């Protein structure tokens, strides 16, 4: 959303939240690379809508995409529903396609969902079905997909972010955006050799 263009003062000077996020995601990818393994990387940009903006197997290509100043620019509102949707540009749709791809059999799926705010307007929240169940959580939990939902900023209402997380888990809240890099680095799993 456009709020990701907000300035944050830190040791590196003044950066926007998006610049901090791009650096942290780049470092997260490097951390996964050091852990070793084959990768399938998808990046979904969401604001008013959502769009699958990168798909590939190269960490270097993903880092180059992230570091391109023309990519991942803050705009619009915060639409969790579009980001998680079972569509070609939503996380559930992208993951469903990947789960059906026999070339990716045996891959562990991990979703990083990073936001600096609650969904806006109201209709952009995490959808619930008629029984008030969360189809997104049912999908990720039943497919053994690890979700790391991250909120950037203090005084965040995490009700919606908690609905993005795996059932029973709570979102990771980073009060100071300058701590995002270290916090994401702590989420890299140890890869068994």
C-alpha atoms as a PDB file:
ATOM      1  CA  UNK A   1       0.000   0.000   0.000  1.00  0.00           C
ATOM      2  CA  UNK A   2       1.033   3.619  -0.237  1.00  0.00           C
ATOM      3  CA  UNK A   3       1.881   3.660   3.482  1.00  0.00           C
ATOM      4  CA  UNK A   4       4.995   1.606   2.656  1.00  0.00           C
ATOM      5  CA  UNK A   5       6.477   4.863   1.340  1.00  0.00           C
ATOM      6  CA  UNK A   6       6.589   6.227   4.915  1.00  0.00           C
ATOM      7  CA  UNK A   7      10.061   7.263   6.060  1.00  0.00           C
ATOM      8  CA  UNK A   8      11.894   5.451   8.831  1.00  0.00           C
ATOM      9  CA  UNK A   9      15.005   6.889  10.492  1.00  0.00           C
ATOM     10  CA  UNK A  10      17.706   4.405  11.451  1.00  0.00           C
ATOM     11  CA  UNK A  11      21.414   3.665  11.521  1.00  0.00           C
ATOM     12  CA  UNK A  12      21.482   3.625   7.705  1.00  0.00           C
ATOM     13  CA  UNK A  13      19.887   7.088   7.528  1.00  0.00           C
ATOM     14  CA  UNK A  14      16.337   7.645   6.367  1.00  0.00           C
ATOM     15  CA  UNK A  15      14.715   4.944   4.256  1.00  0.00           C
ATOM     16  CA  UNK A  16      11.138   4.136   3.342  1.00  0.00           C
ATOM     17  CA  UNK A  17       9.466   1.058   4.773  1.00  0.00           C
ATOM     18  CA  UNK A  18       9.566  -0.433   1.256  1.00  0.00           C
ATOM     19  CA  UNK A  19      13.320   0.129   0.975  1.00  0.00           C
ATOM     20  CA  UNK A  20      13.801  -1.583   4.339  1.00  0.00           C
ATOM     21  CA  UNK A  21      11.528  -4.437   3.236  1.00  0.00           C
ATOM     22  CA  UNK A  22      13.420  -4.899  -0.038  1.00  0.00           C
ATOM     23  CA  UNK A  23      16.751  -5.079   1.811  1.00  0.00           C
ATOM     24  CA  UNK A  24      15.369  -7.528   4.354  1.00  0.00           C
ATOM     25  CA  UNK A  25      13.846  -9.804   1.684  1.00  0.00           C
ATOM     26  CA  UNK A  26      17.113  -9.735  -0.277  1.00  0.00           C
ATOM     27  CA  UNK A  27      18.989 -10.792   2.846  1.00  0.00           C
ATOM     28  CA  UNK A  28      16.363 -13.441   3.602  1.00  0.00           C
ATOM     29  CA  UNK A  29      16.907 -14.939   0.147  1.00  0.00           C
ATOM     30  CA  UNK A  30      20.667 -14.932   0.728  1.00  0.00           C
ATOM     31  CA  UNK A  31      20.090 -16.718   4.040  1.00  0.00           C
ATOM     32  CA  UNK A  32      18.011 -19.408   2.363  1.00  0.00           C
ATOM     33  CA  UNK A  33      20.710 -19.779  -0.292  1.00  0.00           C
ATOM     34  CA  UNK A  34      23.334 -20.335   2.407  1.00  0.00           C
ATOM     35  CA  UNK A  35      21.089 -22.981   3.972  1.00  0.00           C
ATOM     36  CA  UNK A  36      21.303 -24.807   0.629  1.00  0.00           C
ATOM     37  CA  UNK A  37      18.639 -26.511  -1.445  1.00  0.00           C
ATOM     38  CA  UNK A  38      16.652 -25.969  -4.618  1.00  0.00           C
ATOM     39  CA  UNK A  39      14.188 -23.100  -4.634  1.00  0.00           C
ATOM     40  CA  UNK A  40      10.990 -22.030  -6.304  1.00  0.00           C
ATOM     41  CA  UNK A  41      10.391 -18.352  -5.568  1.00  0.00           C
ATOM     42  CA  UNK A  42       7.170 -16.444  -6.140  1.00  0.00           C
ATOM     43  CA  UNK A  43       6.645 -12.793  -5.250  1.00  0.00           C
ATOM     44  CA  UNK A  44       3.129 -11.393  -5.072  1.00  0.00           C
ATOM     45  CA  UNK A  45       2.803  -7.626  -4.866  1.00  0.00           C
ATOM     46  CA  UNK A  46      -0.417  -6.500  -3.230  1.00  0.00           C
ATOM     47  CA  UNK A  47      -2.080  -3.180  -2.614  1.00  0.00           C
ATOM     48  CA  UNK A  48      -5.505  -2.382  -4.080  1.00  0.00           C
ATOM     49  CA  UNK A  49      -5.246  -5.707  -5.948  1.00  0.00           C
ATOM     50  CA  UNK A  50      -2.560  -8.361  -6.171  1.00  0.00           C
ATOM     51  CA  UNK A  51      -0.209  -9.493  -8.900  1.00  0.00           C
ATOM     52  CA  UNK A  52       2.272 -12.336  -9.243  1.00  0.00           C
ATOM     53  CA  UNK A  53       5.263 -10.200 -10.221  1.00  0.00           C
ATOM     54  CA  UNK A  54       8.103 -12.724 -10.031  1.00  0.00           C
ATOM     55  CA  UNK A  55       8.337 -16.470 -10.422  1.00  0.00           C
ATOM     56  CA  UNK A  56      11.594 -18.364 -10.781  1.00  0.00           C
ATOM     57  CA  UNK A  57      14.222 -20.635  -9.273  1.00  0.00           C
ATOM     58  CA  UNK A  58      17.188 -18.264  -9.091  1.00  0.00           C
ATOM     59  CA  UNK A  59      17.864 -16.375  -5.877  1.00  0.00           C
ATOM     60  CA  UNK A  60      20.100 -13.995  -7.853  1.00  0.00           C
ATOM     61  CA  UNK A  61      17.244 -13.227 -10.279  1.00  0.00           C
ATOM     62  CA  UNK A  62      14.828 -12.700  -7.382  1.00  0.00           C
ATOM     63  CA  UNK A  63      17.269 -10.338  -5.662  1.00  0.00           C
ATOM     64  CA  UNK A  64      17.775  -8.405  -8.924  1.00  0.00           C
ATOM     65  CA  UNK A  65      14.005  -8.098  -9.294  1.00  0.00           C
ATOM     66  CA  UNK A  66      13.614  -6.834  -5.729  1.00  0.00           C
ATOM     67  CA  UNK A  67      16.481  -4.361  -6.084  1.00  0.00           C
ATOM     68  CA  UNK A  68      15.123  -2.850  -9.314  1.00  0.00           C
ATOM     69  CA  UNK A  69      13.683   0.544  -8.239  1.00  0.00           C
ATOM     70  CA  UNK A  70      10.853   0.167 -10.771  1.00  0.00           C
ATOM     71  CA  UNK A  71       9.544  -2.965  -9.017  1.00  0.00           C
ATOM     72  CA  UNK A  72       7.504  -3.184  -5.824  1.00  0.00           C
ATOM     73  CA  UNK A  73       6.554   0.469  -5.574  1.00  0.00           C
ATOM     74  CA  UNK A  74       4.138   1.522  -2.808  1.00  0.00           C
ATOM     75  CA  UNK A  75       0.634   2.449  -3.942  1.00  0.00           C
ATOM     76  CA  UNK A  76      -3.051   1.884  -3.258  1.00  0.00           C
ATOM     77  CA  UNK A  77      -4.738   0.390  -0.214  1.00  0.00           C
ATOM     78  CA  UNK A  78      -4.150  -2.809   1.786  1.00  0.00           C
ATOM     79  CA  UNK A  79      -6.101  -5.714   0.272  1.00  0.00           C
ATOM     80  CA  UNK A  80      -5.464  -8.951   2.155  1.00  0.00           C
ATOM     81  CA  UNK A  81      -8.346 -10.696   0.360  1.00  0.00           C
ATOM     82  CA  UNK A  82      -6.745 -10.199  -3.083  1.00  0.00           C
ATOM     83  CA  UNK A  83      -3.281 -11.177  -1.813  1.00  0.00           C
ATOM     84  CA  UNK A  84      -4.534 -14.499  -0.412  1.00  0.00           C
ATOM     85  CA  UNK A  85      -7.109 -15.302  -3.118  1.00  0.00           C
ATOM     86  CA  UNK A  86      -7.394 -18.576  -4.987  1.00  0.00           C
ATOM     87  CA  UNK A  87      -6.618 -16.825  -8.296  1.00  0.00           C
ATOM     88  CA  UNK A  88      -3.637 -16.734 -10.640  1.00  0.00           C
ATOM     89  CA  UNK A  89      -2.420 -13.599  -8.810  1.00  0.00           C
ATOM     90  CA  UNK A  90      -3.323 -14.618  -5.263  1.00  0.00           C
ATOM     91  CA  UNK A  91      -1.256 -16.733  -2.885  1.00  0.00           C
ATOM     92  CA  UNK A  92      -3.682 -19.654  -2.668  1.00  0.00           C
ATOM     93  CA  UNK A  93      -3.973 -19.871  -6.452  1.00  0.00           C
ATOM     94  CA  UNK A  94      -0.202 -19.693  -6.951  1.00  0.00           C
ATOM     95  CA  UNK A  95       0.405 -22.293  -4.236  1.00  0.00           C
ATOM     96  CA  UNK A  96      -2.316 -24.598  -5.593  1.00  0.00           C
ATOM     97  CA  UNK A  97      -0.620 -24.569  -8.986  1.00  0.00           C
ATOM     98  CA  UNK A  98       2.765 -25.268  -7.388  1.00  0.00           C
ATOM     99  CA  UNK A  99       1.402 -28.135  -5.283  1.00  0.00           C
ATOM    100  CA  UNK A 100       0.023 -29.746  -8.468  1.00  0.00           C
ATOM    101  CA  UNK A 101       3.405 -29.443 -10.246  1.00  0.00           C
ATOM    102  CA  UNK A 102       5.162 -32.825 -10.009  1.00  0.00           C
ATOM    103  CA  UNK A 103       8.527 -31.102 -10.583  1.00  0.00           C
ATOM    104  CA  UNK A 104       8.071 -29.460  -7.176  1.00  0.00           C
ATOM    105  CA  UNK A 105       7.198 -32.672  -5.296  1.00  0.00           C
ATOM    106  CA  UNK A 106       9.057 -32.750  -1.995  1.00  0.00           C
ATOM    107  CA  UNK A 107       9.536 -28.984  -1.787  1.00  0.00           C
ATOM    108  CA  UNK A 108       8.676 -27.313   1.517  1.00  0.00           C
ATOM    109  CA  UNK A 109       6.426 -24.301   0.987  1.00  0.00           C
ATOM    110  CA  UNK A 110       6.926 -21.221   3.126  1.00  0.00           C
ATOM    111  CA  UNK A 111       4.874 -18.052   2.677  1.00  0.00           C
ATOM    112  CA  UNK A 112       6.111 -14.687   3.906  1.00  0.00           C
ATOM    113  CA  UNK A 113       3.259 -12.192   4.162  1.00  0.00           C
ATOM    114  CA  UNK A 114       4.479  -8.724   5.138  1.00  0.00           C
ATOM    115  CA  UNK A 115       2.228  -5.724   5.752  1.00  0.00           C
ATOM    116  CA  UNK A 116       2.444  -2.439   7.582  1.00  0.00           C
ATOM    117  CA  UNK A 117      -1.239  -2.164   8.291  1.00  0.00           C
ATOM    118  CA  UNK A 118      -4.647  -3.672   8.615  1.00  0.00           C
ATOM    119  CA  UNK A 119      -6.723  -4.345   5.501  1.00  0.00           C
ATOM    120  CA  UNK A 120      -8.462  -1.270   4.171  1.00  0.00           C
ATOM    121  CA  UNK A 121     -11.264  -0.776   3.374  1.00  0.00           C
ATOM    122  CA  UNK A 122     -13.246  -3.272   5.457  1.00  0.00           C
ATOM    123  CA  UNK A 123     -14.075  -5.610   2.539  1.00  0.00           C
ATOM    124  CA  UNK A 124     -10.377  -6.325   1.974  1.00  0.00           C
ATOM    125  CA  UNK A 125     -10.041  -8.457   5.111  1.00  0.00           C
ATOM    126  CA  UNK A 126      -9.140 -12.150   5.196  1.00  0.00           C
ATOM    127  CA  UNK A 127     -12.331 -13.823   3.924  1.00  0.00           C
ATOM    128  CA  UNK A 128     -14.271 -16.204   6.144  1.00  0.00           C
ATOM    129  CA  UNK A 129     -16.755 -18.751   4.801  1.00  0.00           C
ATOM    130  CA  UNK A 130     -20.426 -19.037   5.772  1.00  0.00           C
ATOM    131  CA  UNK A 131     -19.436 -21.083   8.847  1.00  0.00           C
ATOM    132  CA  UNK A 132     -16.977 -18.334   9.879  1.00  0.00           C
ATOM    133  CA  UNK A 133     -14.089 -20.657   9.102  1.00  0.00           C
ATOM    134  CA  UNK A 134     -10.930 -19.307   7.508  1.00  0.00           C
ATOM    135  CA  UNK A 135     -10.453 -21.040   4.098  1.00  0.00           C
ATOM    136  CA  UNK A 136      -6.899 -19.669   3.797  1.00  0.00           C
ATOM    137  CA  UNK A 137      -5.818 -21.235   7.107  1.00  0.00           C
ATOM    138  CA  UNK A 138      -7.572 -24.492   6.238  1.00  0.00           C
ATOM    139  CA  UNK A 139      -5.707 -24.545   2.903  1.00  0.00           C
ATOM    140  CA  UNK A 140      -2.220 -23.853   4.297  1.00  0.00           C
ATOM    141  CA  UNK A 141      -2.617 -26.101   7.317  1.00  0.00           C
ATOM    142  CA  UNK A 142      -3.940 -29.053   5.282  1.00  0.00           C
ATOM    143  CA  UNK A 143      -1.082 -28.686   2.766  1.00  0.00           C
ATOM    144  CA  UNK A 144       1.695 -28.350   5.386  1.00  0.00           C
ATOM    145  CA  UNK A 145       2.560 -24.819   4.231  1.00  0.00           C
ATOM    146  CA  UNK A 146       4.447 -22.716   6.761  1.00  0.00           C
ATOM    147  CA  UNK A 147       3.217 -19.115   6.952  1.00  0.00           C
ATOM    148  CA  UNK A 148       5.200 -16.258   8.446  1.00  0.00           C
ATOM    149  CA  UNK A 149       2.867 -13.263   8.726  1.00  0.00           C
ATOM    150  CA  UNK A 150       4.731 -10.092   9.633  1.00  0.00           C
ATOM    151  CA  UNK A 151       3.355  -6.731  10.709  1.00  0.00           C
ATOM    152  CA  UNK A 152       5.606  -3.681  10.554  1.00  0.00           C
ATOM    153  CA  UNK A 153       4.845  -0.850  12.977  1.00  0.00           C
ATOM    154  CA  UNK A 154       3.818  -0.245  16.544  1.00  0.00           C
ATOM    155  CA  UNK A 155       0.233  -0.312  17.782  1.00  0.00           C
ATOM    156  CA  UNK A 156      -0.837  -2.676  14.975  1.00  0.00           C
ATOM    157  CA  UNK A 157      -4.133  -4.480  15.314  1.00  0.00           C
ATOM    158  CA  UNK A 158      -3.035  -8.022  14.458  1.00  0.00           C
ATOM    159  CA  UNK A 159      -6.471  -9.675  14.211  1.00  0.00           C
ATOM    160  CA  UNK A 160      -6.254  -9.929  10.409  1.00  0.00           C
ATOM    161  CA  UNK A 161      -2.533 -10.785  10.329  1.00  0.00           C
ATOM    162  CA  UNK A 162      -3.198 -13.617  12.788  1.00  0.00           C
ATOM    163  CA  UNK A 163      -5.749 -14.955  10.273  1.00  0.00           C
ATOM    164  CA  UNK A 164      -3.012 -15.047   7.634  1.00  0.00           C
ATOM    165  CA  UNK A 165      -0.744 -17.119   9.925  1.00  0.00           C
ATOM    166  CA  UNK A 166      -1.161 -20.854  10.377  1.00  0.00           C
ATOM    167  CA  UNK A 167      -4.093 -21.758  12.633  1.00  0.00           C
ATOM    168  CA  UNK A 168      -3.168 -21.218  16.280  1.00  0.00           C
ATOM    169  CA  UNK A 169      -0.063 -19.155  15.476  1.00  0.00           C
ATOM    170  CA  UNK A 170       0.314 -15.417  15.972  1.00  0.00           C
ATOM    171  CA  UNK A 171       1.762 -12.909  13.548  1.00  0.00           C
ATOM    172  CA  UNK A 172       5.268 -11.599  14.106  1.00  0.00           C
ATOM    173  CA  UNK A 173       5.038  -7.889  14.918  1.00  0.00           C
ATOM    174  CA  UNK A 174       8.076  -5.706  14.292  1.00  0.00           C
ATOM    175  CA  UNK A 175       7.543  -2.417  16.150  1.00  0.00           C
ATOM    176  CA  UNK A 176      10.573  -0.760  14.562  1.00  0.00           C
ATOM    177  CA  UNK A 177      10.987  -1.354  10.815  1.00  0.00           C
ATOM    178  CA  UNK A 178      14.769  -1.223  11.331  1.00  0.00           C
ATOM    179  CA  UNK A 179      14.484  -4.602  13.114  1.00  0.00           C
ATOM    180  CA  UNK A 180      12.821  -6.305  10.137  1.00  0.00           C
ATOM    181  CA  UNK A 181      16.029  -7.701   8.619  1.00  0.00           C
ATOM    182  CA  UNK A 182      17.159  -9.475  11.797  1.00  0.00           C
ATOM    183  CA  UNK A 183      13.642 -10.697  12.583  1.00  0.00           C
ATOM    184  CA  UNK A 184      13.157 -12.253   9.141  1.00  0.00           C
ATOM    185  CA  UNK A 185      16.620 -13.814   9.325  1.00  0.00           C
ATOM    186  CA  UNK A 186      15.536 -15.620  12.483  1.00  0.00           C
ATOM    187  CA  UNK A 187      12.752 -17.369  10.536  1.00  0.00           C
ATOM    188  CA  UNK A 188      15.047 -19.287   8.168  1.00  0.00           C
ATOM    189  CA  UNK A 189      14.652 -22.984   8.987  1.00  0.00           C
ATOM    190  CA  UNK A 190      17.604 -25.260   9.418  1.00  0.00           C
ATOM    191  CA  UNK A 191      17.816 -27.497   6.381  1.00  0.00           C
ATOM    192  CA  UNK A 192      18.526 -31.141   7.200  1.00  0.00           C
ATOM    193  CA  UNK A 193      21.447 -32.528   5.223  1.00  0.00           C
END
